[in-house]
Amino acid sequence: MKKPSRTEVIGIASGKGGVGKTTVSVNLAIALQKAGHRVMLFDADLGLANSQIALGCACPYNLTHFMSGQKTLQEITVTSRHGVRLIPGASGVKEMAALSQVQASRIVQAFSALEDEIDYLIVDMAAGISPSVLAFMAACQRRYIVVRDDPSSIADAYGTIKVLIQDYDLNEIYIIPNAVASQAEGQNLFRRINQVCAQFLNYTTHYLGSIEYDDQIVAAHKKYEPVMEFAPGSNSARDFKRLAKSIAQMPPTGTISGGMQFFVERLVRFQA
């Protein structure tokens, strides 16, 4: 039997909704899959999940069936036509939107039972800093914050970073400026946020790359398709490919932190 590979776990979050977090999660997952990696996407927006719509997947079961004990994670997993494996969240289920940290930890633990060979697990978070979001973010190895260049998005992104650092002592936090006019403007937005983090939190974030504004993303949404499929030659698809390449070139993160981890058994084997 092939020894399980280490799975890199990426949490993608935003301070507020409407900044394109799911668009980034879905298209980044497809870009990594197209680059030859084995990718799983966990839709952890447990109240208003929509990754399955963006991926064009029919999902007969979702996380509600897992939490109720009716199905295992393996049984609710579907594979998109792009090859990305998806664990669908729940949409319009009030109880799922208000999961406690204990319930979120139960989900995290269940990932160790998955037998799939996965190179990257992308966790698409709900917006904000609910207990379940923070529990999932703490269980990831790297954390990406999607932000737009508007005051409320910047303020909420900074607030999210502040909680991750001061309350959870987390690191490996990266900024992804989205819908910016140019790469230069994205880098400028990163520098502004990072300067505030350095000044008030004594912490320096990392720049991963920017996604430029693209009408093709809007057109893709109307067709219920990811832009990586709808317009693979577009500027935004180019940016997602660049992000995927940057991620693939990153060295593995260091030792396991003291908190709960996705695929913790696989991590232990990797480090043994």
C-alpha atoms as a PDB file:
ATOM      1  CA  MET A   1       0.000   0.000   0.000  1.00  0.00           C
ATOM      2  CA  LYS A   2       1.282   3.427  -0.951  1.00  0.00           C
ATOM      3  CA  LYS A   3       2.300   5.500   2.036  1.00  0.00           C
ATOM      4  CA  PRO A   4      -0.120   8.455   2.405  1.00  0.00           C
ATOM      5  CA  SER A   5       1.385  11.750   1.345  1.00  0.00           C
ATOM      6  CA  ARG A   6       1.359  14.784   3.524  1.00  0.00           C
ATOM      7  CA  THR A   7      -1.683  16.943   2.831  1.00  0.00           C
ATOM      8  CA  GLU A   8      -1.198  20.705   2.848  1.00  0.00           C
ATOM      9  CA  VAL A   9      -4.270  22.360   4.374  1.00  0.00           C
ATOM     10  CA  ILE A  10      -5.187  25.906   3.349  1.00  0.00           C
ATOM     11  CA  GLY A  11      -7.923  27.927   5.020  1.00  0.00           C
ATOM     12  CA  ILE A  12      -9.421  30.721   2.913  1.00  0.00           C
ATOM     13  CA  ALA A  13     -11.306  33.381   4.867  1.00  0.00           C
ATOM     14  CA  SER A  14     -12.437  36.992   4.716  1.00  0.00           C
ATOM     15  CA  GLY A  15     -13.469  39.538   7.270  1.00  0.00           C
ATOM     16  CA  LYS A  16     -16.769  40.216   5.519  1.00  0.00           C
ATOM     17  CA  GLY A  17     -18.926  38.555   2.890  1.00  0.00           C
ATOM     18  CA  GLY A  18     -19.071  39.535  -0.765  1.00  0.00           C
ATOM     19  CA  VAL A  19     -15.334  39.885  -1.370  1.00  0.00           C
ATOM     20  CA  GLY A  20     -15.029  36.810  -3.620  1.00  0.00           C
ATOM     21  CA  LYS A  21     -13.756  34.251  -1.123  1.00  0.00           C
ATOM     22  CA  THR A  22     -15.605  31.292  -2.657  1.00  0.00           C
ATOM     23  CA  THR A  23     -14.623  32.411  -6.167  1.00  0.00           C
ATOM     24  CA  VAL A  24     -10.983  32.353  -5.051  1.00  0.00           C
ATOM     25  CA  SER A  25     -11.373  28.984  -3.297  1.00  0.00           C
ATOM     26  CA  VAL A  26     -13.049  27.236  -6.232  1.00  0.00           C
ATOM     27  CA  ASN A  27     -10.823  28.619  -8.991  1.00  0.00           C
ATOM     28  CA  LEU A  28      -7.658  28.056  -6.968  1.00  0.00           C
ATOM     29  CA  ALA A  29      -8.716  24.447  -6.375  1.00  0.00           C
ATOM     30  CA  ILE A  30      -9.225  23.951 -10.118  1.00  0.00           C
ATOM     31  CA  ALA A  31      -5.912  25.664 -10.952  1.00  0.00           C
ATOM     32  CA  LEU A  32      -4.040  23.359  -8.561  1.00  0.00           C
ATOM     33  CA  GLN A  33      -5.872  20.301  -9.940  1.00  0.00           C
ATOM     34  CA  LYS A  34      -5.033  21.312 -13.531  1.00  0.00           C
ATOM     35  CA  ALA A  35      -1.396  21.692 -12.483  1.00  0.00           C
ATOM     36  CA  GLY A  36      -1.353  17.987 -11.602  1.00  0.00           C
ATOM     37  CA  HIS A  37      -2.102  18.102  -7.879  1.00  0.00           C
ATOM     38  CA  ARG A  38      -4.796  16.131  -6.071  1.00  0.00           C
ATOM     39  CA  VAL A  39      -7.188  18.615  -4.535  1.00  0.00           C
ATOM     40  CA  MET A  40     -10.102  18.455  -2.130  1.00  0.00           C
ATOM     41  CA  LEU A  41     -12.345  21.435  -1.371  1.00  0.00           C
ATOM     42  CA  PHE A  42     -14.240  21.548   1.919  1.00  0.00           C
ATOM     43  CA  ASP A  43     -17.091  24.054   1.862  1.00  0.00           C
ATOM     44  CA  ALA A  44     -17.004  25.144   5.492  1.00  0.00           C
ATOM     45  CA  ASP A  45     -19.534  27.939   4.963  1.00  0.00           C
ATOM     46  CA  LEU A  46     -21.981  25.858   6.934  1.00  0.00           C
ATOM     47  CA  GLY A  47     -24.994  28.138   6.717  1.00  0.00           C
ATOM     48  CA  LEU A  48     -24.847  29.434   3.134  1.00  0.00           C
ATOM     49  CA  ALA A  49     -22.685  26.934   1.287  1.00  0.00           C
ATOM     50  CA  ASN A  50     -22.399  27.518  -2.466  1.00  0.00           C
ATOM     51  CA  SER A  51     -19.165  25.882  -3.644  1.00  0.00           C
ATOM     52  CA  GLN A  52     -21.163  23.105  -5.278  1.00  0.00           C
ATOM     53  CA  ILE A  53     -22.974  25.686  -7.410  1.00  0.00           C
ATOM     54  CA  ALA A  54     -19.708  27.313  -8.451  1.00  0.00           C
ATOM     55  CA  LEU A  55     -18.240  23.904  -9.309  1.00  0.00           C
ATOM     56  CA  GLY A  56     -21.376  22.708 -11.088  1.00  0.00           C
ATOM     57  CA  CYS A  57     -21.733  19.668  -8.825  1.00  0.00           C
ATOM     58  CA  ALA A  58     -24.890  17.787  -7.918  1.00  0.00           C
ATOM     59  CA  CYS A  59     -24.608  16.879  -4.230  1.00  0.00           C
ATOM     60  CA  PRO A  60     -27.183  14.388  -2.955  1.00  0.00           C
ATOM     61  CA  TYR A  61     -25.762  14.662   0.561  1.00  0.00           C
ATOM     62  CA  ASN A  62     -23.969  17.374   2.515  1.00  0.00           C
ATOM     63  CA  LEU A  63     -22.408  18.047   5.899  1.00  0.00           C
ATOM     64  CA  THR A  64     -25.803  17.979   7.591  1.00  0.00           C
ATOM     65  CA  HIS A  65     -25.995  14.243   6.862  1.00  0.00           C
ATOM     66  CA  PHE A  66     -22.551  13.752   8.394  1.00  0.00           C
ATOM     67  CA  MET A  67     -23.354  15.725  11.544  1.00  0.00           C
ATOM     68  CA  SER A  68     -26.564  13.756  12.046  1.00  0.00           C
ATOM     69  CA  GLY A  69     -24.656  10.465  11.779  1.00  0.00           C
ATOM     70  CA  GLN A  70     -26.441   9.363   8.598  1.00  0.00           C
ATOM     71  CA  LYS A  71     -23.349   9.480   6.379  1.00  0.00           C
ATOM     72  CA  THR A  72     -19.556   9.506   6.666  1.00  0.00           C
ATOM     73  CA  LEU A  73     -17.412  12.247   5.132  1.00  0.00           C
ATOM     74  CA  GLN A  74     -16.390   9.767   2.449  1.00  0.00           C
ATOM     75  CA  GLU A  75     -20.037   9.123   1.598  1.00  0.00           C
ATOM     76  CA  ILE A  76     -20.946  12.786   1.137  1.00  0.00           C
ATOM     77  CA  THR A  77     -17.871  13.553  -0.992  1.00  0.00           C
ATOM     78  CA  VAL A  78     -18.435  14.144  -4.714  1.00  0.00           C
ATOM     79  CA  THR A  79     -15.962  14.717  -7.554  1.00  0.00           C
ATOM     80  CA  SER A  80     -16.414  17.643  -9.934  1.00  0.00           C
ATOM     81  CA  ARG A  81     -15.888  17.347 -13.672  1.00  0.00           C
ATOM     82  CA  HIS A  82     -12.575  19.128 -13.097  1.00  0.00           C
ATOM     83  CA  GLY A  83     -11.378  16.324 -10.805  1.00  0.00           C
ATOM     84  CA  VAL A  84     -11.687  18.347  -7.593  1.00  0.00           C
ATOM     85  CA  ARG A  85     -13.182  16.389  -4.713  1.00  0.00           C
ATOM     86  CA  LEU A  86     -15.795  18.386  -2.830  1.00  0.00           C
ATOM     87  CA  ILE A  87     -17.175  18.011   0.672  1.00  0.00           C
ATOM     88  CA  PRO A  88     -20.342  20.128   0.455  1.00  0.00           C
ATOM     89  CA  GLY A  89     -21.516  22.282   3.308  1.00  0.00           C
ATOM     90  CA  ALA A  90     -25.150  23.029   4.116  1.00  0.00           C
ATOM     91  CA  SER A  91     -27.227  25.906   2.804  1.00  0.00           C
ATOM     92  CA  GLY A  92     -30.119  27.466   4.642  1.00  0.00           C
ATOM     93  CA  VAL A  93     -29.736  25.260   7.731  1.00  0.00           C
ATOM     94  CA  LYS A  94     -29.741  27.508  10.791  1.00  0.00           C
ATOM     95  CA  GLU A  95     -28.206  24.939  13.140  1.00  0.00           C
ATOM     96  CA  MET A  96     -25.247  24.365  10.820  1.00  0.00           C
ATOM     97  CA  ALA A  97     -24.501  28.076  10.710  1.00  0.00           C
ATOM     98  CA  ALA A  98     -24.050  28.151  14.473  1.00  0.00           C
ATOM     99  CA  LEU A  99     -21.746  25.184  15.092  1.00  0.00           C
ATOM    100  CA  SER A 100     -19.691  25.293  18.269  1.00  0.00           C
ATOM    101  CA  GLN A 101     -15.925  24.819  18.395  1.00  0.00           C
ATOM    102  CA  VAL A 102     -16.494  21.303  19.766  1.00  0.00           C
ATOM    103  CA  GLN A 103     -18.698  20.385  16.789  1.00  0.00           C
ATOM    104  CA  ALA A 104     -16.181  21.922  14.387  1.00  0.00           C
ATOM    105  CA  SER A 105     -13.408  19.897  16.041  1.00  0.00           C
ATOM    106  CA  ARG A 106     -15.415  16.731  15.445  1.00  0.00           C
ATOM    107  CA  ILE A 107     -15.454  17.529  11.724  1.00  0.00           C
ATOM    108  CA  VAL A 108     -11.709  18.211  11.756  1.00  0.00           C
ATOM    109  CA  GLN A 109     -11.010  14.867  13.448  1.00  0.00           C
ATOM    110  CA  ALA A 110     -13.114  13.011  10.876  1.00  0.00           C
ATOM    111  CA  PHE A 111     -10.759  14.036   8.066  1.00  0.00           C
ATOM    112  CA  SER A 112      -8.113  11.646   9.366  1.00  0.00           C
ATOM    113  CA  ALA A 113     -10.415   8.759   8.398  1.00  0.00           C
ATOM    114  CA  LEU A 114     -10.514   9.798   4.732  1.00  0.00           C
ATOM    115  CA  GLU A 115      -8.493   7.442   2.566  1.00  0.00           C
ATOM    116  CA  ASP A 116      -8.214   9.775  -0.434  1.00  0.00           C
ATOM    117  CA  GLU A 117      -4.695  10.678  -1.497  1.00  0.00           C
ATOM    118  CA  ILE A 118      -4.830  14.471  -1.266  1.00  0.00           C
ATOM    119  CA  ASP A 119      -2.066  16.991  -1.913  1.00  0.00           C
ATOM    120  CA  TYR A 120      -4.105  20.065  -0.979  1.00  0.00           C
ATOM    121  CA  LEU A 121      -7.195  20.499   1.127  1.00  0.00           C
ATOM    122  CA  ILE A 122      -8.736  23.934   0.617  1.00  0.00           C
ATOM    123  CA  VAL A 123     -11.158  24.982   3.344  1.00  0.00           C
ATOM    124  CA  ASP A 124     -13.599  27.648   2.151  1.00  0.00           C
ATOM    125  CA  MET A 125     -14.656  29.419   5.360  1.00  0.00           C
ATOM    126  CA  ALA A 126     -17.757  31.396   6.168  1.00  0.00           C
ATOM    127  CA  ALA A 127     -17.220  35.144   6.418  1.00  0.00           C
ATOM    128  CA  GLY A 128     -16.486  36.609   9.832  1.00  0.00           C
ATOM    129  CA  ILE A 129     -15.060  35.115  13.012  1.00  0.00           C
ATOM    130  CA  SER A 130     -17.644  32.669  14.352  1.00  0.00           C
ATOM    131  CA  PRO A 131     -16.407  29.911  16.709  1.00  0.00           C
ATOM    132  CA  SER A 132     -16.496  27.316  13.917  1.00  0.00           C
ATOM    133  CA  VAL A 133     -14.537  29.553  11.511  1.00  0.00           C
ATOM    134  CA  LEU A 134     -11.836  30.151  14.109  1.00  0.00           C
ATOM    135  CA  ALA A 135     -11.664  26.438  14.967  1.00  0.00           C
ATOM    136  CA  PHE A 136     -11.262  25.522  11.305  1.00  0.00           C
ATOM    137  CA  MET A 137      -8.671  28.258  10.719  1.00  0.00           C
ATOM    138  CA  ALA A 138      -6.648  27.055  13.712  1.00  0.00           C
ATOM    139  CA  ALA A 139      -6.678  23.530  12.260  1.00  0.00           C
ATOM    140  CA  CYS A 140      -5.157  24.651   8.936  1.00  0.00           C
ATOM    141  CA  GLN A 141      -1.447  24.986   8.218  1.00  0.00           C
ATOM    142  CA  ARG A 142      -1.728  28.150   6.131  1.00  0.00           C
ATOM    143  CA  ARG A 143      -4.370  30.887   6.227  1.00  0.00           C
ATOM    144  CA  TYR A 144      -5.293  33.081   3.284  1.00  0.00           C
ATOM    145  CA  ILE A 145      -7.314  36.262   3.826  1.00  0.00           C
ATOM    146  CA  VAL A 146      -9.178  37.566   0.764  1.00  0.00           C
ATOM    147  CA  VAL A 147      -9.655  41.329   0.788  1.00  0.00           C
ATOM    148  CA  ARG A 148     -10.974  44.050  -1.513  1.00  0.00           C
ATOM    149  CA  ASP A 149      -9.815  47.630  -1.634  1.00  0.00           C
ATOM    150  CA  ASP A 150     -12.684  49.180   0.272  1.00  0.00           C
ATOM    151  CA  PRO A 151     -12.683  50.462   3.861  1.00  0.00           C
ATOM    152  CA  SER A 152     -15.071  47.900   5.363  1.00  0.00           C
ATOM    153  CA  SER A 153     -13.315  44.935   3.740  1.00  0.00           C
ATOM    154  CA  ILE A 154      -9.910  46.197   4.893  1.00  0.00           C
ATOM    155  CA  ALA A 155     -11.141  46.868   8.436  1.00  0.00           C
ATOM    156  CA  ASP A 156     -12.786  43.437   8.713  1.00  0.00           C
ATOM    157  CA  ALA A 157      -9.749  41.675   7.252  1.00  0.00           C
ATOM    158  CA  TYR A 158      -7.537  43.397   9.815  1.00  0.00           C
ATOM    159  CA  GLY A 159      -9.968  42.427  12.593  1.00  0.00           C
ATOM    160  CA  THR A 160      -9.841  38.780  11.486  1.00  0.00           C
ATOM    161  CA  ILE A 161      -6.033  38.796  11.397  1.00  0.00           C
ATOM    162  CA  LYS A 162      -5.938  40.416  14.848  1.00  0.00           C
ATOM    163  CA  VAL A 163      -8.088  37.644  16.366  1.00  0.00           C
ATOM    164  CA  LEU A 164      -6.039  34.896  14.678  1.00  0.00           C
ATOM    165  CA  ILE A 165      -2.803  36.338  16.041  1.00  0.00           C
ATOM    166  CA  GLN A 166      -3.753  37.646  19.486  1.00  0.00           C
ATOM    167  CA  ASP A 167      -6.382  35.092  20.542  1.00  0.00           C
ATOM    168  CA  TYR A 168      -5.125  31.973  18.747  1.00  0.00           C
ATOM    169  CA  ASP A 169      -1.392  32.649  18.370  1.00  0.00           C
ATOM    170  CA  LEU A 170      -1.499  31.605  14.702  1.00  0.00           C
ATOM    171  CA  ASN A 171       1.004  32.383  11.974  1.00  0.00           C
ATOM    172  CA  GLU A 172       1.326  31.597   8.245  1.00  0.00           C
ATOM    173  CA  ILE A 173      -1.199  34.303   7.351  1.00  0.00           C
ATOM    174  CA  TYR A 174      -1.261  35.429   3.719  1.00  0.00           C
ATOM    175  CA  ILE A 175      -3.126  38.260   1.991  1.00  0.00           C
ATOM    176  CA  ILE A 176      -4.876  37.848  -1.386  1.00  0.00           C
ATOM    177  CA  PRO A 177      -6.125  41.200  -2.753  1.00  0.00           C
ATOM    178  CA  ASN A 178      -9.120  40.499  -5.005  1.00  0.00           C
ATOM    179  CA  ALA A 179     -10.763  42.474  -7.828  1.00  0.00           C
ATOM    180  CA  VAL A 180      -7.945  45.024  -7.952  1.00  0.00           C
ATOM    181  CA  ALA A 181      -7.216  47.205 -10.986  1.00  0.00           C
ATOM    182  CA  SER A 182      -3.676  45.837 -11.399  1.00  0.00           C
ATOM    183  CA  GLN A 183      -1.025  43.704  -9.719  1.00  0.00           C
ATOM    184  CA  ALA A 184       0.671  46.918  -8.588  1.00  0.00           C
ATOM    185  CA  GLU A 185      -2.527  48.089  -6.854  1.00  0.00           C
ATOM    186  CA  GLY A 186      -2.856  44.680  -5.214  1.00  0.00           C
ATOM    187  CA  GLN A 187       0.673  44.903  -3.855  1.00  0.00           C
ATOM    188  CA  ASN A 188      -0.050  48.404  -2.586  1.00  0.00           C
ATOM    189  CA  LEU A 189      -3.183  47.170  -0.785  1.00  0.00           C
ATOM    190  CA  PHE A 190      -1.139  44.389   0.808  1.00  0.00           C
ATOM    191  CA  ARG A 191       1.526  46.845   1.957  1.00  0.00           C
ATOM    192  CA  ARG A 192      -1.086  49.090   3.580  1.00  0.00           C
ATOM    193  CA  ILE A 193      -2.651  46.209   5.521  1.00  0.00           C
ATOM    194  CA  ASN A 194       0.709  44.708   6.409  1.00  0.00           C
ATOM    195  CA  GLN A 195       1.993  48.035   7.701  1.00  0.00           C
ATOM    196  CA  VAL A 196      -0.938  48.278  10.129  1.00  0.00           C
ATOM    197  CA  CYS A 197      -0.386  44.664  11.250  1.00  0.00           C
ATOM    198  CA  ALA A 198       3.315  45.327  11.843  1.00  0.00           C
ATOM    199  CA  GLN A 199       2.602  48.537  13.759  1.00  0.00           C
ATOM    200  CA  PHE A 200      -0.249  47.397  15.987  1.00  0.00           C
ATOM    201  CA  LEU A 201       0.075  43.598  16.124  1.00  0.00           C
ATOM    202  CA  ASN A 202       3.856  43.270  15.834  1.00  0.00           C
ATOM    203  CA  TYR A 203       3.221  40.697  13.109  1.00  0.00           C
ATOM    204  CA  THR A 204       4.149  40.656   9.427  1.00  0.00           C
ATOM    205  CA  THR A 205       1.757  38.935   7.013  1.00  0.00           C
ATOM    206  CA  HIS A 206       2.759  37.426   3.665  1.00  0.00           C
ATOM    207  CA  TYR A 207       1.816  38.446   0.125  1.00  0.00           C
ATOM    208  CA  LEU A 208       0.636  35.609  -2.091  1.00  0.00           C
ATOM    209  CA  GLY A 209      -0.533  37.422  -5.226  1.00  0.00           C
ATOM    210  CA  SER A 210      -3.488  39.453  -6.457  1.00  0.00           C
ATOM    211  CA  ILE A 211      -6.542  38.718  -8.572  1.00  0.00           C
ATOM    212  CA  GLU A 212      -7.289  41.527 -11.008  1.00  0.00           C
ATOM    213  CA  TYR A 213     -10.849  42.656 -11.658  1.00  0.00           C
ATOM    214  CA  ASP A 214     -12.239  40.788 -14.659  1.00  0.00           C
ATOM    215  CA  ASP A 215     -15.658  40.995 -16.316  1.00  0.00           C
ATOM    216  CA  GLN A 216     -15.210  37.335 -17.233  1.00  0.00           C
ATOM    217  CA  ILE A 217     -15.672  36.364 -13.576  1.00  0.00           C
ATOM    218  CA  VAL A 218     -19.091  38.039 -13.561  1.00  0.00           C
ATOM    219  CA  ALA A 219     -19.983  36.334 -16.849  1.00  0.00           C
ATOM    220  CA  ALA A 220     -18.821  32.973 -15.458  1.00  0.00           C
ATOM    221  CA  HIS A 221     -21.000  33.411 -12.364  1.00  0.00           C
ATOM    222  CA  LYS A 222     -24.055  33.947 -14.555  1.00  0.00           C
ATOM    223  CA  LYS A 223     -23.296  30.647 -16.312  1.00  0.00           C
ATOM    224  CA  TYR A 224     -22.706  28.847 -12.971  1.00  0.00           C
ATOM    225  CA  GLU A 225     -19.179  28.043 -14.052  1.00  0.00           C
ATOM    226  CA  PRO A 226     -15.753  28.810 -12.555  1.00  0.00           C
ATOM    227  CA  VAL A 227     -13.784  31.305 -14.614  1.00  0.00           C
ATOM    228  CA  MET A 228     -10.956  28.765 -14.927  1.00  0.00           C
ATOM    229  CA  GLU A 229     -13.355  26.732 -17.098  1.00  0.00           C
ATOM    230  CA  PHE A 230     -15.485  29.506 -18.606  1.00  0.00           C
ATOM    231  CA  ALA A 231     -12.596  31.707 -19.757  1.00  0.00           C
ATOM    232  CA  PRO A 232      -9.288  29.878 -19.273  1.00  0.00           C
ATOM    233  CA  GLY A 233      -7.421  32.546 -21.255  1.00  0.00           C
ATOM    234  CA  SER A 234      -8.719  35.458 -19.163  1.00  0.00           C
ATOM    235  CA  ASN A 235      -6.628  37.692 -16.933  1.00  0.00           C
ATOM    236  CA  SER A 236      -8.247  36.295 -13.801  1.00  0.00           C
ATOM    237  CA  ALA A 237      -7.595  32.685 -14.865  1.00  0.00           C
ATOM    238  CA  ARG A 238      -3.970  33.715 -15.430  1.00  0.00           C
ATOM    239  CA  ASP A 239      -3.863  35.107 -11.894  1.00  0.00           C
ATOM    240  CA  PHE A 240      -5.296  31.925 -10.385  1.00  0.00           C
ATOM    241  CA  LYS A 241      -2.688  29.875 -12.244  1.00  0.00           C
ATOM    242  CA  ARG A 242       0.027  32.146 -10.810  1.00  0.00           C
ATOM    243  CA  LEU A 243      -1.379  31.670  -7.314  1.00  0.00           C
ATOM    244  CA  ALA A 244      -1.409  27.902  -7.770  1.00  0.00           C
ATOM    245  CA  LYS A 245       2.216  27.975  -8.961  1.00  0.00           C
ATOM    246  CA  SER A 246       3.270  30.095  -5.964  1.00  0.00           C
ATOM    247  CA  ILE A 247       1.524  27.706  -3.569  1.00  0.00           C
ATOM    248  CA  ALA A 248       3.105  24.638  -5.172  1.00  0.00           C
ATOM    249  CA  GLN A 249       6.564  26.181  -4.731  1.00  0.00           C
ATOM    250  CA  MET A 250       6.100  26.780  -1.002  1.00  0.00           C
ATOM    251  CA  PRO A 251       8.061  24.491   1.318  1.00  0.00           C
ATOM    252  CA  PRO A 252       6.012  22.367   3.736  1.00  0.00           C
ATOM    253  CA  THR A 253       5.092  24.163   6.927  1.00  0.00           C
ATOM    254  CA  GLY A 254       6.966  23.336  10.129  1.00  0.00           C
ATOM    255  CA  THR A 255       6.003  21.078  12.992  1.00  0.00           C
ATOM    256  CA  ILE A 256       2.416  20.417  13.975  1.00  0.00           C
ATOM    257  CA  SER A 257       0.966  23.098  16.231  1.00  0.00           C
ATOM    258  CA  GLY A 258      -0.591  22.249  19.575  1.00  0.00           C
ATOM    259  CA  GLY A 259      -4.154  22.544  18.277  1.00  0.00           C
ATOM    260  CA  MET A 260      -6.390  20.158  16.397  1.00  0.00           C
ATOM    261  CA  GLN A 261      -5.242  19.563  12.810  1.00  0.00           C
ATOM    262  CA  PHE A 262      -6.926  18.357   9.634  1.00  0.00           C
ATOM    263  CA  PHE A 263      -5.376  15.035   8.549  1.00  0.00           C
ATOM    264  CA  VAL A 264      -3.387  14.948  11.786  1.00  0.00           C
ATOM    265  CA  GLU A 265      -2.555  11.235  11.458  1.00  0.00           C
ATOM    266  CA  ARG A 266      -1.165  11.836   7.976  1.00  0.00           C
ATOM    267  CA  LEU A 267       0.933  14.714   9.300  1.00  0.00           C
ATOM    268  CA  VAL A 268       2.354  12.535  12.072  1.00  0.00           C
ATOM    269  CA  ARG A 269       3.290   9.822   9.567  1.00  0.00           C
ATOM    270  CA  PHE A 270       4.933  12.408   7.311  1.00  0.00           C
ATOM    271  CA  GLN A 271       7.093  13.702  10.148  1.00  0.00           C
ATOM    272  CA  ALA A 272       7.921  10.301  11.610  1.00  0.00           C
END
